[in-house]
Amino acid sequence: MVITIFIGSMKWLCMADEVEDTEELPSTAGELANQYPDVWDAYSGLGKACSEAGPIDDETKRLVKLALAAGSESEGAVHSHVRRALDEGVDPETLRHVAILSIPTLGFPRAMATLTWIDDLVDE
C-alpha cells in the first residue's frame, strides 16, 4: 500500500508497512500521522496486511516497491526504497537492474531518471 504526499512540486510515496516511527516520515506525512493517529494506524495496518498477504520474500517486496516508485516518477520514494534496500544488504547492482528493467515499460528518460536517483544514494 502506498500513500502519495505532495510537498511543493515533489511527490513522495510512503510504504505504510515499513514505517514504525513517524519521525522517519517526510514532514507532511509525519504531521498527518501526528495529527490523525487513528487514520495513520488504519493505513499502517492496511499496509502490513497487504505485505503479509502473499508469499513474496522481503527482498523481492523491496524491489517491487522500488519499481512502483520508479513507475510513479517519485524521486523521494525511489530514494526511500534505495536507502532501505541498502540498509537491508541488497546489492547496488540489483537496484540498478530495476532501473534497467524499466526501460521498455517506462521509457528511456524515466529509467535514466530512476538510475540517477538510485545512484544518488549508492554513490554516497
Protein backbone atom coordinates (compact mmCIF):
# COMPACT_ATOMS: atom_id res chain seq x y z
CA MET A 1 0.00 0.00 0.00
CA VAL A 2 1.31 3.43 -0.94
CA ILE A 3 0.34 6.90 0.24
CA THR A 4 1.13 9.77 -2.09
CA ILE A 5 2.12 13.04 -0.44
CA PHE A 6 2.76 16.22 -2.37
CA ILE A 7 5.28 18.69 -0.94
CA GLY A 8 5.51 21.62 -3.30
CA SER A 9 6.24 20.13 -6.70
CA MET A 10 7.74 16.95 -5.18
CA LYS A 11 5.75 13.76 -4.86
CA TRP A 12 6.57 11.34 -2.01
CA LEU A 13 5.34 7.80 -1.61
CA CYS A 14 5.44 6.19 1.81
CA MET A 15 5.08 2.49 2.40
CA ALA A 16 2.90 2.11 5.47
CA ASP A 17 4.07 -1.41 6.27
CA GLU A 18 7.66 -0.21 6.65
CA VAL A 19 7.29 2.82 8.93
CA GLU A 20 7.20 2.19 12.63
CA ASP A 21 8.41 5.61 13.84
CA THR A 22 6.58 8.59 12.34
CA GLU A 23 9.75 10.64 12.84
CA GLU A 24 11.16 8.71 9.84
CA LEU A 25 8.49 10.13 7.53
CA PRO A 26 8.77 13.19 5.30
CA SER A 27 7.42 16.19 7.22
CA THR A 28 3.93 16.24 5.69
CA ALA A 29 3.35 12.53 6.29
CA GLY A 30 4.73 12.82 9.81
CA GLU A 31 2.39 15.72 10.51
CA LEU A 32 -0.56 13.69 9.22
CA ALA A 33 0.45 10.75 11.42
CA ASN A 34 0.73 13.02 14.46
CA GLN A 35 -2.50 14.94 13.78
CA TYR A 36 -4.59 11.92 12.80
CA PRO A 37 -3.12 8.90 14.58
CA ASP A 38 -6.25 6.79 14.03
CA VAL A 39 -6.06 7.38 10.27
CA TRP A 40 -2.33 6.60 10.26
CA ASP A 41 -2.83 3.46 12.34
CA ALA A 42 -5.55 2.22 9.98
CA TYR A 43 -3.40 2.99 6.95
CA SER A 44 -0.37 1.28 8.53
CA GLY A 45 -2.48 -1.77 9.34
CA LEU A 46 -3.63 -1.99 5.74
CA GLY A 47 -0.05 -1.75 4.51
CA LYS A 48 1.04 -4.50 6.90
CA ALA A 49 -1.87 -6.72 5.83
CA CYS A 50 -1.00 -6.19 2.15
CA SER A 51 2.64 -7.01 2.82
CA GLU A 52 1.72 -10.24 4.60
CA ALA A 53 -0.99 -11.30 2.14
CA GLY A 54 1.23 -13.32 -0.14
CA PRO A 55 4.37 -15.39 -0.46
CA ILE A 56 6.78 -12.74 -1.79
CA ASP A 57 10.04 -12.60 0.18
CA ASP A 58 11.24 -9.34 1.75
CA GLU A 59 13.97 -8.53 -0.80
CA THR A 60 11.58 -9.06 -3.70
CA LYS A 61 8.99 -6.85 -1.99
CA ARG A 62 11.62 -4.11 -1.67
CA LEU A 63 12.48 -4.41 -5.39
CA VAL A 64 8.79 -4.34 -6.37
CA LYS A 65 8.27 -1.25 -4.25
CA LEU A 66 11.31 0.37 -5.88
CA ALA A 67 9.85 -0.41 -9.30
CA LEU A 68 6.48 1.05 -8.30
CA ALA A 69 8.20 4.19 -7.03
CA ALA A 70 10.07 4.47 -10.34
CA GLY A 71 6.86 4.00 -12.31
CA SER A 72 5.16 6.78 -10.36
CA GLU A 73 8.16 9.06 -11.02
CA SER A 74 8.68 9.73 -7.33
CA GLU A 75 12.26 10.67 -6.57
CA GLY A 76 11.53 10.72 -2.84
CA ALA A 77 10.09 7.21 -2.88
CA VAL A 78 12.94 5.87 -5.01
CA HIS A 79 15.42 7.36 -2.53
CA SER A 80 13.46 5.87 0.37
CA HIS A 81 13.40 2.37 -1.09
CA VAL A 82 17.04 2.50 -2.19
CA ARG A 83 18.08 3.64 1.29
CA ARG A 84 16.10 0.83 2.92
CA ALA A 85 17.35 -1.74 0.41
CA LEU A 86 20.98 -0.79 1.04
CA ASP A 87 20.36 -0.98 4.79
CA GLU A 88 18.92 -4.46 4.23
CA GLY A 89 22.01 -5.56 2.29
CA VAL A 90 20.61 -5.51 -1.25
CA ASP A 91 23.42 -5.30 -3.81
CA PRO A 92 23.54 -1.91 -5.58
CA GLU A 93 23.72 -3.69 -8.96
CA THR A 94 20.40 -5.36 -8.16
CA LEU A 95 18.86 -1.93 -7.57
CA ARG A 96 20.32 -0.61 -10.81
CA HIS A 97 18.89 -3.65 -12.60
CA VAL A 98 15.39 -2.50 -11.56
CA ALA A 99 16.01 0.77 -13.44
CA ILE A 100 17.34 -1.09 -16.49
CA LEU A 101 14.32 -3.42 -16.48
CA SER A 102 12.04 -0.37 -16.54
CA ILE A 103 13.34 0.89 -19.92
CA PRO A 104 10.83 -0.98 -22.14
CA THR A 105 7.86 -0.18 -19.88
CA LEU A 106 8.58 3.33 -18.58
CA GLY A 107 10.77 4.58 -21.40
CA PHE A 108 14.41 5.55 -21.55
CA PRO A 109 14.13 9.01 -19.90
CA ARG A 110 12.18 7.75 -16.87
CA ALA A 111 14.51 4.78 -16.49
CA MET A 112 17.56 7.06 -16.62
CA ALA A 113 15.98 9.37 -14.02
CA THR A 114 15.43 6.33 -11.80
CA LEU A 115 19.01 5.19 -12.32
CA THR A 116 20.22 8.66 -11.36
CA TRP A 117 18.07 8.62 -8.21
CA ILE A 118 19.44 5.19 -7.28
CA ASP A 119 22.99 6.36 -7.81
CA ASP A 120 22.35 9.43 -5.63
CA LEU A 121 22.49 7.05 -2.66
CA VAL A 122 24.69 4.25 -3.97
CA ASP A 123 27.47 6.72 -4.78
CA GLU A 124 27.39 8.41 -1.34
